[in-house]
Amino acid sequence: MTRSDSHSPLVLDTTELRWFIRGSLPAEVAVWFTGSTGVLEERIDTYLLDGRDDVGVKRRFRQTLELKIRQLLDERIEFGDGLAGPLEVWRRWSPAEGLVEHVVDERWVDVHKSVVKRRFLLNGTEVAFSPVVEATGAGCDVEVAGVTVRGDHWWTFAFAAFGAPATQREALLASWHALVAAAPCPEPFEPRTARAMGYPEWLTFYS
C-alpha cells in the first residue's frame, strides 16, 4: 500500500479470489460467517460497464472514484470438496480522479451491497475489522455479501489478501483454514457450484 504524497491516490495491491452465486444470500450462511466478529456495511457502489473483465471502475458509495486493474491471473488453488478458483492479482487506485476518462452516465449501473467482512493476519489470527481503516501489515480480508443489480439478486464470497506479494497466497489460505476451523460451513454454502470471478467479469453479464 503506497501513497507518494498527500495529493496522490492510495495504491493497494491484493491477491483475490471471489465467487458469485445467483439468488439471495442464505440466512444460514450469513449467520455462520458473521458470528460475533463480522462487520456489516450497507452501501451502493456505481460501476462503469465497459465489457472488460480485467479493469474495474466504480464510485464507492456513489462518490469516491476507484480504479482496479488486474495485474495477473495466477494459479488455480483448491480448498477441498470442489471449492476452487484462480487467484487474481489486482492493483487499486483510490481516489482515481484524473486516471479515468469521463464517460456518459448511461454506462454506469448501481450495485446494492450488504457486506459482512472479517480480517485475519498472516498466521490466521483474527483481528478487528473496520471499514474506515485500511489494511496494514500482512493478512487477508474475507467477505460474504448479498448484492443486487437491476433487480437481480446474487451473493458473493471472497478473499482479498494484502501485504507483501510473497505472503498473500499464504495469508489467503490461512484465513480460510481459520474460518472453517472455528465453525464448519453450513449446508447452503455452495460457492463450489459457482464460477469464480471478480466484479468486472460478473458485470459483463449486464454490459
N, C-alpha and C. Protein backbone atom coordinates (compact mmCIF):
# COMPACT_ATOMS: atom_id res chain seq x y z
N MET A 1 0.85 -1.18 0.00
CA MET A 1 0.00 0.00 0.00
C MET A 1 0.89 1.23 0.00
N THR A 2 0.76 2.08 -1.01
CA THR A 2 1.66 3.21 -1.12
C THR A 2 0.90 4.47 -1.47
N ARG A 3 1.47 5.61 -1.05
CA ARG A 3 0.97 6.92 -1.44
C ARG A 3 2.20 7.82 -1.51
N SER A 4 2.48 8.37 -2.69
CA SER A 4 3.72 9.11 -2.87
C SER A 4 3.68 10.47 -2.20
N ASP A 5 2.49 11.11 -2.11
CA ASP A 5 2.35 12.38 -1.42
C ASP A 5 0.88 12.58 -1.08
N SER A 6 0.57 13.68 -0.40
CA SER A 6 -0.78 13.89 0.10
C SER A 6 -1.80 14.08 -1.01
N HIS A 7 -1.35 14.35 -2.23
CA HIS A 7 -2.27 14.57 -3.34
C HIS A 7 -2.38 13.34 -4.24
N SER A 8 -1.63 12.31 -3.97
CA SER A 8 -1.64 11.11 -4.80
C SER A 8 -2.67 10.11 -4.29
N PRO A 9 -3.21 9.27 -5.18
CA PRO A 9 -4.16 8.26 -4.73
C PRO A 9 -3.47 7.18 -3.90
N LEU A 10 -4.24 6.57 -3.03
CA LEU A 10 -3.78 5.40 -2.30
C LEU A 10 -3.72 4.24 -3.28
N VAL A 11 -2.61 3.50 -3.28
CA VAL A 11 -2.44 2.36 -4.18
C VAL A 11 -2.34 1.11 -3.34
N LEU A 12 -3.19 0.13 -3.61
CA LEU A 12 -3.23 -1.11 -2.84
C LEU A 12 -3.15 -2.30 -3.78
N ASP A 13 -2.22 -3.20 -3.52
CA ASP A 13 -2.08 -4.44 -4.28
C ASP A 13 -2.64 -5.60 -3.46
N THR A 14 -3.51 -6.39 -4.08
CA THR A 14 -4.14 -7.51 -3.38
C THR A 14 -4.16 -8.74 -4.28
N THR A 15 -4.19 -9.90 -3.62
CA THR A 15 -4.45 -11.17 -4.30
C THR A 15 -5.84 -11.61 -3.89
N GLU A 16 -6.71 -11.84 -4.87
CA GLU A 16 -8.12 -12.04 -4.58
C GLU A 16 -8.65 -13.33 -5.21
N LEU A 17 -9.72 -13.82 -4.58
CA LEU A 17 -10.46 -14.95 -5.11
C LEU A 17 -11.91 -14.75 -4.69
N ARG A 18 -12.82 -14.75 -5.67
CA ARG A 18 -14.22 -14.42 -5.42
C ARG A 18 -15.11 -15.35 -6.23
N TRP A 19 -16.24 -15.70 -5.61
CA TRP A 19 -17.28 -16.46 -6.31
C TRP A 19 -18.58 -15.69 -6.26
N PHE A 20 -19.39 -15.80 -7.34
CA PHE A 20 -20.75 -15.26 -7.37
C PHE A 20 -21.74 -16.41 -7.51
N ILE A 21 -22.83 -16.34 -6.75
CA ILE A 21 -23.87 -17.35 -6.77
C ILE A 21 -25.20 -16.63 -6.98
N ARG A 22 -25.98 -17.03 -7.95
CA ARG A 22 -27.26 -16.38 -8.21
C ARG A 22 -28.25 -16.72 -7.10
N GLY A 23 -29.05 -15.73 -6.70
CA GLY A 23 -30.04 -15.89 -5.65
C GLY A 23 -29.67 -15.08 -4.42
N SER A 24 -30.60 -15.03 -3.48
CA SER A 24 -30.37 -14.28 -2.25
C SER A 24 -29.39 -15.02 -1.34
N LEU A 25 -28.69 -14.26 -0.51
CA LEU A 25 -27.76 -14.84 0.45
C LEU A 25 -28.52 -15.69 1.45
N PRO A 26 -28.21 -17.00 1.56
CA PRO A 26 -28.91 -17.85 2.53
C PRO A 26 -28.67 -17.36 3.96
N ALA A 27 -29.75 -17.37 4.75
CA ALA A 27 -29.64 -16.89 6.14
C ALA A 27 -28.61 -17.68 6.92
N GLU A 28 -28.54 -19.01 6.68
CA GLU A 28 -27.59 -19.84 7.42
C GLU A 28 -26.15 -19.43 7.13
N VAL A 29 -25.88 -19.05 5.88
CA VAL A 29 -24.53 -18.61 5.51
C VAL A 29 -24.20 -17.29 6.18
N ALA A 30 -25.16 -16.36 6.18
CA ALA A 30 -24.94 -15.06 6.81
C ALA A 30 -24.65 -15.21 8.30
N VAL A 31 -25.40 -16.07 8.97
CA VAL A 31 -25.19 -16.28 10.41
C VAL A 31 -23.85 -16.95 10.66
N TRP A 32 -23.53 -17.99 9.87
CA TRP A 32 -22.25 -18.70 10.03
C TRP A 32 -21.08 -17.75 9.87
N PHE A 33 -21.10 -16.93 8.83
CA PHE A 33 -19.95 -16.09 8.55
C PHE A 33 -19.87 -14.92 9.52
N THR A 34 -20.99 -14.30 9.84
CA THR A 34 -20.97 -13.11 10.69
C THR A 34 -20.47 -13.45 12.09
N GLY A 35 -20.96 -14.55 12.67
CA GLY A 35 -20.53 -14.92 14.01
C GLY A 35 -20.66 -13.75 14.97
N SER A 36 -19.65 -13.59 15.81
CA SER A 36 -19.65 -12.47 16.76
C SER A 36 -18.68 -11.37 16.36
N THR A 37 -18.01 -11.54 15.20
CA THR A 37 -16.94 -10.60 14.84
C THR A 37 -17.15 -9.90 13.50
N GLY A 38 -18.06 -10.42 12.66
CA GLY A 38 -18.25 -9.83 11.34
C GLY A 38 -18.78 -8.40 11.43
N VAL A 39 -18.33 -7.55 10.52
CA VAL A 39 -18.74 -6.15 10.49
C VAL A 39 -19.59 -5.92 9.24
N LEU A 40 -20.83 -5.47 9.44
CA LEU A 40 -21.77 -5.26 8.35
C LEU A 40 -21.65 -3.85 7.80
N GLU A 41 -21.65 -3.74 6.48
CA GLU A 41 -21.66 -2.44 5.81
C GLU A 41 -22.67 -2.48 4.68
N GLU A 42 -23.62 -1.55 4.69
CA GLU A 42 -24.60 -1.41 3.62
C GLU A 42 -24.18 -0.23 2.75
N ARG A 43 -24.10 -0.47 1.45
CA ARG A 43 -23.73 0.64 0.58
C ARG A 43 -24.19 0.39 -0.85
N ILE A 44 -24.15 1.45 -1.65
CA ILE A 44 -24.41 1.36 -3.08
C ILE A 44 -23.17 1.85 -3.79
N ASP A 45 -22.57 0.98 -4.60
CA ASP A 45 -21.44 1.35 -5.45
C ASP A 45 -21.94 1.44 -6.89
N THR A 46 -21.46 2.41 -7.63
CA THR A 46 -21.86 2.59 -9.03
C THR A 46 -20.69 2.20 -9.92
N TYR A 47 -20.91 1.21 -10.79
CA TYR A 47 -19.85 0.65 -11.62
C TYR A 47 -19.99 1.08 -13.08
N LEU A 48 -18.85 1.25 -13.71
CA LEU A 48 -18.81 1.51 -15.14
C LEU A 48 -18.92 0.19 -15.90
N LEU A 49 -19.85 0.12 -16.84
CA LEU A 49 -20.00 -1.06 -17.68
C LEU A 49 -19.24 -0.84 -18.98
N ASP A 50 -18.09 -1.52 -19.12
CA ASP A 50 -17.32 -1.36 -20.35
C ASP A 50 -17.00 -2.70 -21.01
N GLY A 51 -17.54 -3.81 -20.47
CA GLY A 51 -17.37 -5.11 -21.09
C GLY A 51 -16.03 -5.77 -20.84
N ARG A 52 -15.18 -5.19 -19.98
CA ARG A 52 -13.87 -5.77 -19.71
C ARG A 52 -13.90 -6.53 -18.40
N ASP A 53 -13.15 -7.63 -18.33
CA ASP A 53 -13.09 -8.41 -17.09
C ASP A 53 -11.81 -8.18 -16.31
N ASP A 54 -10.92 -7.33 -16.84
CA ASP A 54 -9.63 -7.10 -16.17
C ASP A 54 -9.47 -5.68 -15.67
N VAL A 55 -10.50 -4.85 -15.81
CA VAL A 55 -10.47 -3.47 -15.34
C VAL A 55 -11.81 -3.16 -14.68
N GLY A 56 -11.75 -2.59 -13.48
CA GLY A 56 -12.96 -2.18 -12.78
C GLY A 56 -12.90 -0.72 -12.42
N VAL A 57 -13.97 0.01 -12.74
CA VAL A 57 -14.09 1.42 -12.37
C VAL A 57 -15.40 1.58 -11.62
N LYS A 58 -15.32 2.17 -10.42
CA LYS A 58 -16.56 2.35 -9.66
C LYS A 58 -16.48 3.63 -8.83
N ARG A 59 -17.66 4.07 -8.40
CA ARG A 59 -17.76 5.13 -7.41
C ARG A 59 -18.29 4.50 -6.12
N ARG A 60 -17.40 4.35 -5.14
CA ARG A 60 -17.78 3.78 -3.85
C ARG A 60 -18.76 4.72 -3.16
N PHE A 61 -19.87 4.17 -2.66
CA PHE A 61 -20.94 5.00 -2.09
C PHE A 61 -21.43 6.04 -3.09
N ARG A 62 -21.27 5.74 -4.39
CA ARG A 62 -21.66 6.67 -5.47
C ARG A 62 -20.82 7.94 -5.46
N GLN A 63 -19.70 7.95 -4.75
CA GLN A 63 -18.90 9.16 -4.61
C GLN A 63 -17.45 8.96 -5.01
N THR A 64 -16.66 8.26 -4.20
CA THR A 64 -15.22 8.16 -4.44
C THR A 64 -14.92 7.29 -5.65
N LEU A 65 -14.25 7.86 -6.64
CA LEU A 65 -13.90 7.12 -7.85
C LEU A 65 -12.70 6.22 -7.57
N GLU A 66 -12.84 4.94 -7.92
CA GLU A 66 -11.76 3.97 -7.74
C GLU A 66 -11.51 3.22 -9.05
N LEU A 67 -10.25 2.90 -9.26
CA LEU A 67 -9.83 2.14 -10.44
C LEU A 67 -9.08 0.90 -9.99
N LYS A 68 -9.47 -0.27 -10.54
CA LYS A 68 -8.75 -1.52 -10.27
C LYS A 68 -8.37 -2.15 -11.61
N ILE A 69 -7.12 -2.58 -11.68
CA ILE A 69 -6.63 -3.25 -12.89
C ILE A 69 -6.01 -4.58 -12.48
N ARG A 70 -6.43 -5.64 -13.15
CA ARG A 70 -5.87 -6.96 -12.85
C ARG A 70 -4.47 -7.05 -13.41
N GLN A 71 -3.51 -7.34 -12.55
CA GLN A 71 -2.12 -7.43 -12.94
C GLN A 71 -1.76 -8.84 -13.43
N LEU A 72 -2.47 -9.85 -12.88
CA LEU A 72 -2.10 -11.24 -13.18
C LEU A 72 -3.27 -12.15 -12.87
N LEU A 73 -3.54 -13.09 -13.76
CA LEU A 73 -4.44 -14.20 -13.47
C LEU A 73 -3.54 -15.37 -13.13
N ASP A 74 -3.49 -15.71 -11.84
CA ASP A 74 -2.46 -16.60 -11.32
C ASP A 74 -2.98 -18.04 -11.21
N GLU A 75 -2.27 -18.83 -10.44
CA GLU A 75 -2.55 -20.26 -10.31
C GLU A 75 -3.94 -20.53 -9.75
N ARG A 76 -4.47 -21.68 -10.07
CA ARG A 76 -5.72 -22.15 -9.51
C ARG A 76 -5.40 -22.87 -8.20
N ILE A 77 -6.16 -22.54 -7.15
CA ILE A 77 -5.92 -23.22 -5.88
C ILE A 77 -7.17 -23.98 -5.46
N GLU A 78 -6.98 -25.04 -4.72
CA GLU A 78 -8.04 -25.94 -4.28
C GLU A 78 -8.19 -25.85 -2.76
N PHE A 79 -9.41 -25.63 -2.31
CA PHE A 79 -9.69 -25.63 -0.88
C PHE A 79 -10.21 -26.98 -0.40
N GLY A 80 -10.58 -27.83 -1.34
CA GLY A 80 -11.15 -29.12 -1.00
C GLY A 80 -12.64 -29.16 -1.25
N ASP A 81 -13.18 -30.37 -1.46
CA ASP A 81 -14.61 -30.57 -1.70
C ASP A 81 -15.12 -29.75 -2.88
N GLY A 82 -14.27 -29.58 -3.89
CA GLY A 82 -14.69 -28.90 -5.11
C GLY A 82 -14.61 -27.39 -5.08
N LEU A 83 -14.27 -26.80 -3.94
CA LEU A 83 -14.16 -25.34 -3.85
C LEU A 83 -12.80 -24.92 -4.36
N ALA A 84 -12.78 -24.22 -5.50
CA ALA A 84 -11.51 -23.88 -6.14
C ALA A 84 -11.69 -22.66 -7.04
N GLY A 85 -10.58 -22.09 -7.45
CA GLY A 85 -10.61 -20.98 -8.38
C GLY A 85 -9.24 -20.40 -8.59
N PRO A 86 -9.06 -19.60 -9.66
CA PRO A 86 -7.77 -18.98 -9.93
C PRO A 86 -7.58 -17.71 -9.11
N LEU A 87 -6.38 -17.51 -8.59
CA LEU A 87 -6.06 -16.28 -7.89
C LEU A 87 -5.94 -15.13 -8.89
N GLU A 88 -6.44 -13.96 -8.48
CA GLU A 88 -6.34 -12.76 -9.31
C GLU A 88 -5.55 -11.71 -8.53
N VAL A 89 -4.53 -11.17 -9.15
CA VAL A 89 -3.72 -10.12 -8.53
C VAL A 89 -4.18 -8.78 -9.09
N TRP A 90 -4.63 -7.89 -8.19
CA TRP A 90 -5.21 -6.61 -8.59
C TRP A 90 -4.42 -5.46 -7.98
N ARG A 91 -4.46 -4.32 -8.67
CA ARG A 91 -3.95 -3.06 -8.12
C ARG A 91 -5.09 -2.04 -8.15
N ARG A 92 -5.29 -1.37 -7.00
CA ARG A 92 -6.38 -0.40 -6.88
C ARG A 92 -5.83 1.00 -6.59
N TRP A 93 -6.40 1.98 -7.27
CA TRP A 93 -6.10 3.39 -7.01
C TRP A 93 -7.35 4.06 -6.45
N SER A 94 -7.21 4.77 -5.32
CA SER A 94 -8.36 5.45 -4.72
C SER A 94 -7.89 6.68 -3.94
N PRO A 95 -8.42 7.87 -4.29
CA PRO A 95 -9.34 8.13 -5.39
C PRO A 95 -8.60 8.13 -6.72
N ALA A 96 -9.36 7.95 -7.81
CA ALA A 96 -8.75 7.78 -9.13
C ALA A 96 -9.12 8.91 -10.08
N GLU A 97 -9.50 10.04 -9.53
CA GLU A 97 -9.79 11.19 -10.40
C GLU A 97 -8.54 11.54 -11.21
N GLY A 98 -8.72 11.77 -12.48
CA GLY A 98 -7.59 12.07 -13.36
C GLY A 98 -6.99 10.85 -14.00
N LEU A 99 -7.33 9.65 -13.50
CA LEU A 99 -6.83 8.41 -14.09
C LEU A 99 -7.86 7.74 -15.00
N VAL A 100 -9.10 8.21 -14.93
CA VAL A 100 -10.19 7.61 -15.70
C VAL A 100 -10.83 8.68 -16.57
N GLU A 101 -11.02 8.37 -17.85
CA GLU A 101 -11.65 9.32 -18.75
C GLU A 101 -13.13 9.47 -18.41
N HIS A 102 -13.67 10.65 -18.67
CA HIS A 102 -15.10 10.89 -18.43
C HIS A 102 -15.92 10.03 -19.39
N VAL A 103 -16.97 9.41 -18.85
CA VAL A 103 -17.86 8.58 -19.67
C VAL A 103 -19.30 8.99 -19.42
N VAL A 104 -20.17 8.67 -20.37
CA VAL A 104 -21.57 9.07 -20.29
C VAL A 104 -22.27 8.30 -19.18
N ASP A 105 -23.30 8.92 -18.58
CA ASP A 105 -23.99 8.33 -17.44
C ASP A 105 -24.65 7.01 -17.77
N GLU A 106 -25.07 6.81 -19.02
CA GLU A 106 -25.79 5.60 -19.38
C GLU A 106 -24.96 4.33 -19.22
N ARG A 107 -23.66 4.46 -19.07
CA ARG A 107 -22.79 3.29 -18.95
C ARG A 107 -22.48 2.94 -17.51
N TRP A 108 -23.18 3.53 -16.56
CA TRP A 108 -22.97 3.24 -15.15
C TRP A 108 -24.17 2.49 -14.60
N VAL A 109 -23.94 1.60 -13.63
CA VAL A 109 -25.02 0.84 -13.02
C VAL A 109 -24.80 0.77 -11.51
N ASP A 110 -25.89 0.89 -10.74
CA ASP A 110 -25.82 0.80 -9.29
C ASP A 110 -25.81 -0.66 -8.85
N VAL A 111 -24.95 -0.99 -7.90
CA VAL A 111 -24.93 -2.31 -7.27
C VAL A 111 -25.17 -2.11 -5.77
N HIS A 112 -26.29 -2.63 -5.29
CA HIS A 112 -26.63 -2.53 -3.87
C HIS A 112 -25.94 -3.69 -3.14
N LYS A 113 -25.24 -3.37 -2.05
CA LYS A 113 -24.45 -4.38 -1.35
C LYS A 113 -24.76 -4.39 0.14
N SER A 114 -24.86 -5.58 0.68
CA SER A 114 -24.91 -5.80 2.12
C SER A 114 -23.73 -6.70 2.45
N VAL A 115 -22.64 -6.10 2.90
CA VAL A 115 -21.35 -6.78 3.00
C VAL A 115 -20.98 -7.02 4.46
N VAL A 116 -20.59 -8.27 4.77
CA VAL A 116 -20.03 -8.59 6.08
C VAL A 116 -18.57 -8.97 5.88
N LYS A 117 -17.67 -8.32 6.62
CA LYS A 117 -16.24 -8.56 6.46
C LYS A 117 -15.60 -8.97 7.78
N ARG A 118 -14.55 -9.77 7.63
CA ARG A 118 -13.70 -10.15 8.75
C ARG A 118 -12.25 -10.06 8.27
N ARG A 119 -11.33 -9.86 9.21
CA ARG A 119 -9.91 -9.67 8.85
C ARG A 119 -9.04 -10.64 9.65
N PHE A 120 -8.08 -11.26 8.93
CA PHE A 120 -7.18 -12.24 9.53
C PHE A 120 -5.73 -11.85 9.23
N LEU A 121 -4.86 -12.13 10.19
CA LEU A 121 -3.43 -11.91 9.99
C LEU A 121 -2.82 -13.09 9.24
N LEU A 122 -1.55 -12.96 8.92
CA LEU A 122 -0.85 -13.98 8.15
C LEU A 122 -0.87 -15.34 8.84
N ASN A 123 -0.87 -15.36 10.16
CA ASN A 123 -0.85 -16.62 10.91
C ASN A 123 -2.26 -17.17 11.17
N GLY A 124 -3.28 -16.51 10.62
CA GLY A 124 -4.65 -16.98 10.79
C GLY A 124 -5.37 -16.37 11.98
N THR A 125 -4.70 -15.55 12.76
CA THR A 125 -5.34 -14.90 13.90
C THR A 125 -6.31 -13.82 13.42
N GLU A 126 -7.53 -13.82 13.95
CA GLU A 126 -8.49 -12.80 13.55
C GLU A 126 -8.28 -11.53 14.36
N VAL A 127 -8.40 -10.39 13.67
CA VAL A 127 -8.30 -9.08 14.32
C VAL A 127 -9.54 -8.27 13.95
N ALA A 128 -9.78 -7.21 14.70
CA ALA A 128 -10.96 -6.39 14.46
C ALA A 128 -10.89 -5.76 13.07
N PHE A 129 -12.03 -5.78 12.37
CA PHE A 129 -12.12 -5.16 11.05
C PHE A 129 -12.86 -3.83 11.17
N SER A 130 -12.37 -2.83 10.44
CA SER A 130 -13.04 -1.54 10.37
C SER A 130 -13.10 -1.10 8.91
N PRO A 131 -14.27 -0.71 8.41
CA PRO A 131 -14.36 -0.27 7.01
C PRO A 131 -13.65 1.04 6.76
N VAL A 132 -13.26 1.77 7.81
CA VAL A 132 -12.60 3.06 7.62
C VAL A 132 -11.11 2.99 7.89
N VAL A 133 -10.60 1.79 8.24
CA VAL A 133 -9.17 1.62 8.50
C VAL A 133 -8.58 0.72 7.42
N GLU A 134 -7.62 1.25 6.66
CA GLU A 134 -7.01 0.46 5.60
C GLU A 134 -6.16 -0.66 6.18
N ALA A 135 -6.08 -1.76 5.42
CA ALA A 135 -5.29 -2.91 5.84
C ALA A 135 -3.81 -2.53 5.90
N THR A 136 -3.12 -3.03 6.95
CA THR A 136 -1.68 -2.83 7.07
C THR A 136 -1.04 -4.16 7.42
N GLY A 137 0.28 -4.24 7.25
CA GLY A 137 0.98 -5.48 7.53
C GLY A 137 0.63 -6.53 6.49
N ALA A 138 0.49 -7.79 6.93
CA ALA A 138 0.17 -8.89 6.03
C ALA A 138 -1.03 -9.63 6.57
N GLY A 139 -1.98 -9.93 5.71
CA GLY A 139 -3.17 -10.63 6.15
C GLY A 139 -4.17 -10.75 5.03
N CYS A 140 -5.44 -10.97 5.41
CA CYS A 140 -6.46 -11.20 4.40
C CYS A 140 -7.83 -10.77 4.93
N ASP A 141 -8.55 -10.00 4.13
CA ASP A 141 -9.94 -9.68 4.41
C ASP A 141 -10.82 -10.72 3.72
N VAL A 142 -11.84 -11.19 4.43
CA VAL A 142 -12.77 -12.18 3.88
C VAL A 142 -14.17 -11.59 3.99
N GLU A 143 -14.99 -11.79 2.96
CA GLU A 143 -16.33 -11.21 3.00
C GLU A 143 -17.37 -12.15 2.42
N VAL A 144 -18.58 -11.99 2.94
CA VAL A 144 -19.79 -12.56 2.35
C VAL A 144 -20.73 -11.39 2.12
N ALA A 145 -21.35 -11.32 0.94
CA ALA A 145 -22.20 -10.18 0.65
C ALA A 145 -23.40 -10.60 -0.20
N GLY A 146 -24.51 -9.98 0.10
CA GLY A 146 -25.65 -10.05 -0.80
C GLY A 146 -25.59 -8.84 -1.72
N VAL A 147 -25.74 -9.05 -3.02
CA VAL A 147 -25.64 -7.94 -3.98
C VAL A 147 -26.84 -7.98 -4.92
N THR A 148 -27.29 -6.79 -5.30
CA THR A 148 -28.43 -6.67 -6.21
C THR A 148 -28.10 -5.68 -7.30
N VAL A 149 -28.34 -6.09 -8.55
CA VAL A 149 -28.13 -5.20 -9.69
C VAL A 149 -29.30 -5.38 -10.65
N ARG A 150 -29.92 -4.26 -11.01
CA ARG A 150 -31.07 -4.26 -11.92
C ARG A 150 -32.15 -5.26 -11.51
N GLY A 151 -32.36 -5.36 -10.21
CA GLY A 151 -33.39 -6.24 -9.69
C GLY A 151 -32.98 -7.69 -9.54
N ASP A 152 -31.78 -8.05 -9.98
CA ASP A 152 -31.29 -9.43 -9.85
C ASP A 152 -30.54 -9.58 -8.53
N HIS A 153 -30.84 -10.66 -7.81
CA HIS A 153 -30.19 -10.93 -6.53
C HIS A 153 -29.11 -12.00 -6.68
N TRP A 154 -27.94 -11.70 -6.10
CA TRP A 154 -26.82 -12.63 -6.09
C TRP A 154 -26.22 -12.59 -4.68
N TRP A 155 -25.33 -13.55 -4.41
CA TRP A 155 -24.46 -13.40 -3.25
C TRP A 155 -23.06 -13.80 -3.65
N THR A 156 -22.10 -13.30 -2.89
CA THR A 156 -20.70 -13.48 -3.25
C THR A 156 -19.88 -13.77 -1.99
N PHE A 157 -18.85 -14.59 -2.17
CA PHE A 157 -17.91 -14.95 -1.11
C PHE A 157 -16.52 -14.67 -1.64
N ALA A 158 -15.69 -13.96 -0.86
CA ALA A 158 -14.43 -13.51 -1.43
C ALA A 158 -13.32 -13.34 -0.40
N PHE A 159 -12.10 -13.48 -0.90
CA PHE A 159 -10.87 -13.21 -0.15
C PHE A 159 -10.13 -12.07 -0.85
N ALA A 160 -9.48 -11.20 -0.05
CA ALA A 160 -8.59 -10.18 -0.59
C ALA A 160 -7.38 -10.09 0.33
N ALA A 161 -6.29 -10.73 -0.07
CA ALA A 161 -5.08 -10.76 0.74
C ALA A 161 -4.22 -9.53 0.45
N PHE A 162 -3.64 -8.97 1.50
CA PHE A 162 -2.84 -7.75 1.38
C PHE A 162 -1.47 -7.98 2.02
N GLY A 163 -0.58 -7.01 1.83
CA GLY A 163 0.76 -7.13 2.38
C GLY A 163 1.77 -7.43 1.28
N ALA A 164 2.95 -7.89 1.65
CA ALA A 164 3.99 -8.22 0.68
C ALA A 164 3.47 -9.28 -0.29
N PRO A 165 3.69 -9.12 -1.60
CA PRO A 165 3.17 -10.08 -2.57
C PRO A 165 3.52 -11.53 -2.25
N ALA A 166 4.73 -11.77 -1.72
CA ALA A 166 5.16 -13.13 -1.45
C ALA A 166 4.36 -13.80 -0.34
N THR A 167 3.65 -13.00 0.47
CA THR A 167 2.89 -13.56 1.59
C THR A 167 1.40 -13.68 1.31
N GLN A 168 0.92 -13.14 0.20
CA GLN A 168 -0.52 -13.00 0.02
C GLN A 168 -1.23 -14.34 -0.17
N ARG A 169 -0.64 -15.25 -0.91
CA ARG A 169 -1.26 -16.56 -1.08
C ARG A 169 -1.36 -17.28 0.26
N GLU A 170 -0.29 -17.23 1.04
CA GLU A 170 -0.28 -17.86 2.36
C GLU A 170 -1.35 -17.25 3.26
N ALA A 171 -1.49 -15.92 3.22
CA ALA A 171 -2.47 -15.24 4.06
C ALA A 171 -3.89 -15.62 3.66
N LEU A 172 -4.14 -15.75 2.38
CA LEU A 172 -5.46 -16.15 1.90
C LEU A 172 -5.84 -17.53 2.41
N LEU A 173 -4.92 -18.47 2.27
CA LEU A 173 -5.18 -19.84 2.73
C LEU A 173 -5.33 -19.91 4.25
N ALA A 174 -4.53 -19.13 4.97
CA ALA A 174 -4.61 -19.13 6.42
C ALA A 174 -5.96 -18.63 6.89
N SER A 175 -6.51 -17.62 6.21
CA SER A 175 -7.81 -17.09 6.60
C SER A 175 -8.92 -18.12 6.37
N TRP A 176 -8.82 -18.88 5.28
CA TRP A 176 -9.81 -19.93 5.01
C TRP A 176 -9.75 -21.01 6.09
N HIS A 177 -8.57 -21.46 6.42
CA HIS A 177 -8.43 -22.51 7.43
C HIS A 177 -8.93 -22.03 8.80
N ALA A 178 -8.70 -20.76 9.11
CA ALA A 178 -9.18 -20.21 10.39
C ALA A 178 -10.70 -20.17 10.42
N LEU A 179 -11.31 -19.82 9.31
CA LEU A 179 -12.77 -19.76 9.23
C LEU A 179 -13.40 -21.12 9.50
N VAL A 180 -12.97 -22.13 8.74
CA VAL A 180 -13.61 -23.43 8.85
C VAL A 180 -13.21 -24.17 10.12
N ALA A 181 -12.08 -23.81 10.71
CA ALA A 181 -11.69 -24.42 11.98
C ALA A 181 -12.60 -23.92 13.10
N ALA A 182 -13.01 -22.65 13.00
CA ALA A 182 -13.88 -22.07 14.03
C ALA A 182 -15.30 -22.62 13.95
N ALA A 183 -15.79 -22.82 12.72
CA ALA A 183 -17.16 -23.32 12.53
C ALA A 183 -17.28 -23.87 11.12
N PRO A 184 -17.66 -25.15 10.96
CA PRO A 184 -17.80 -25.74 9.63
C PRO A 184 -18.83 -24.98 8.79
N CYS A 185 -18.62 -24.96 7.47
CA CYS A 185 -19.54 -24.28 6.57
C CYS A 185 -20.93 -24.93 6.64
N PRO A 186 -22.00 -24.16 6.62
CA PRO A 186 -23.35 -24.72 6.63
C PRO A 186 -23.71 -25.34 5.28
N GLU A 187 -24.75 -26.12 5.25
CA GLU A 187 -25.15 -26.84 4.04
C GLU A 187 -25.39 -25.92 2.84
N PRO A 188 -26.05 -24.74 3.01
CA PRO A 188 -26.30 -23.90 1.82
C PRO A 188 -25.06 -23.22 1.25
N PHE A 189 -23.90 -23.38 1.91
CA PHE A 189 -22.69 -22.71 1.43
C PHE A 189 -22.17 -23.47 0.21
N GLU A 190 -22.43 -22.92 -1.00
CA GLU A 190 -22.11 -23.65 -2.22
C GLU A 190 -21.41 -22.80 -3.27
N PRO A 191 -20.38 -22.02 -2.91
CA PRO A 191 -19.65 -21.31 -3.96
C PRO A 191 -18.94 -22.27 -4.91
N ARG A 192 -18.75 -23.53 -4.48
CA ARG A 192 -18.11 -24.51 -5.36
C ARG A 192 -18.94 -24.77 -6.61
N THR A 193 -20.25 -24.44 -6.58
CA THR A 193 -21.11 -24.63 -7.73
C THR A 193 -21.12 -23.41 -8.64
N ALA A 194 -20.46 -22.33 -8.22
CA ALA A 194 -20.49 -21.09 -8.98
C ALA A 194 -19.15 -20.84 -9.67
N ARG A 195 -19.17 -19.92 -10.59
CA ARG A 195 -17.97 -19.56 -11.31
C ARG A 195 -17.16 -18.55 -10.50
N ALA A 196 -15.89 -18.79 -10.36
CA ALA A 196 -15.01 -17.84 -9.68
C ALA A 196 -14.72 -16.67 -10.62
N MET A 197 -14.96 -15.45 -10.16
CA MET A 197 -14.72 -14.26 -10.99
C MET A 197 -14.81 -13.02 -10.12
N GLY A 198 -14.18 -11.96 -10.59
CA GLY A 198 -14.23 -10.68 -9.90
C GLY A 198 -15.43 -9.87 -10.35
N TYR A 199 -15.63 -8.72 -9.70
CA TYR A 199 -16.74 -7.85 -10.07
C TYR A 199 -16.72 -7.45 -11.54
N PRO A 200 -15.57 -7.07 -12.13
CA PRO A 200 -15.61 -6.67 -13.53
C PRO A 200 -16.14 -7.77 -14.45
N GLU A 201 -15.72 -9.02 -14.23
CA GLU A 201 -16.21 -10.11 -15.07
C GLU A 201 -17.70 -10.35 -14.83
N TRP A 202 -18.12 -10.34 -13.59
CA TRP A 202 -19.54 -10.53 -13.28
C TRP A 202 -20.39 -9.49 -13.97
N LEU A 203 -19.94 -8.25 -13.98
CA LEU A 203 -20.73 -7.16 -14.56
C LEU A 203 -20.77 -7.18 -16.08
N THR A 204 -19.93 -8.01 -16.72
CA THR A 204 -20.04 -8.16 -18.18
C THR A 204 -21.39 -8.78 -18.54
N PHE A 205 -22.04 -9.49 -17.61
CA PHE A 205 -23.38 -10.02 -17.87
C PHE A 205 -24.40 -8.91 -18.12
N TYR A 206 -24.09 -7.70 -17.62
CA TYR A 206 -25.03 -6.59 -17.70
C TYR A 206 -24.57 -5.49 -18.65
N SER A 207 -23.44 -5.73 -19.32
CA SER A 207 -22.92 -4.69 -20.23
C SER A 207 -23.74 -4.62 -21.51
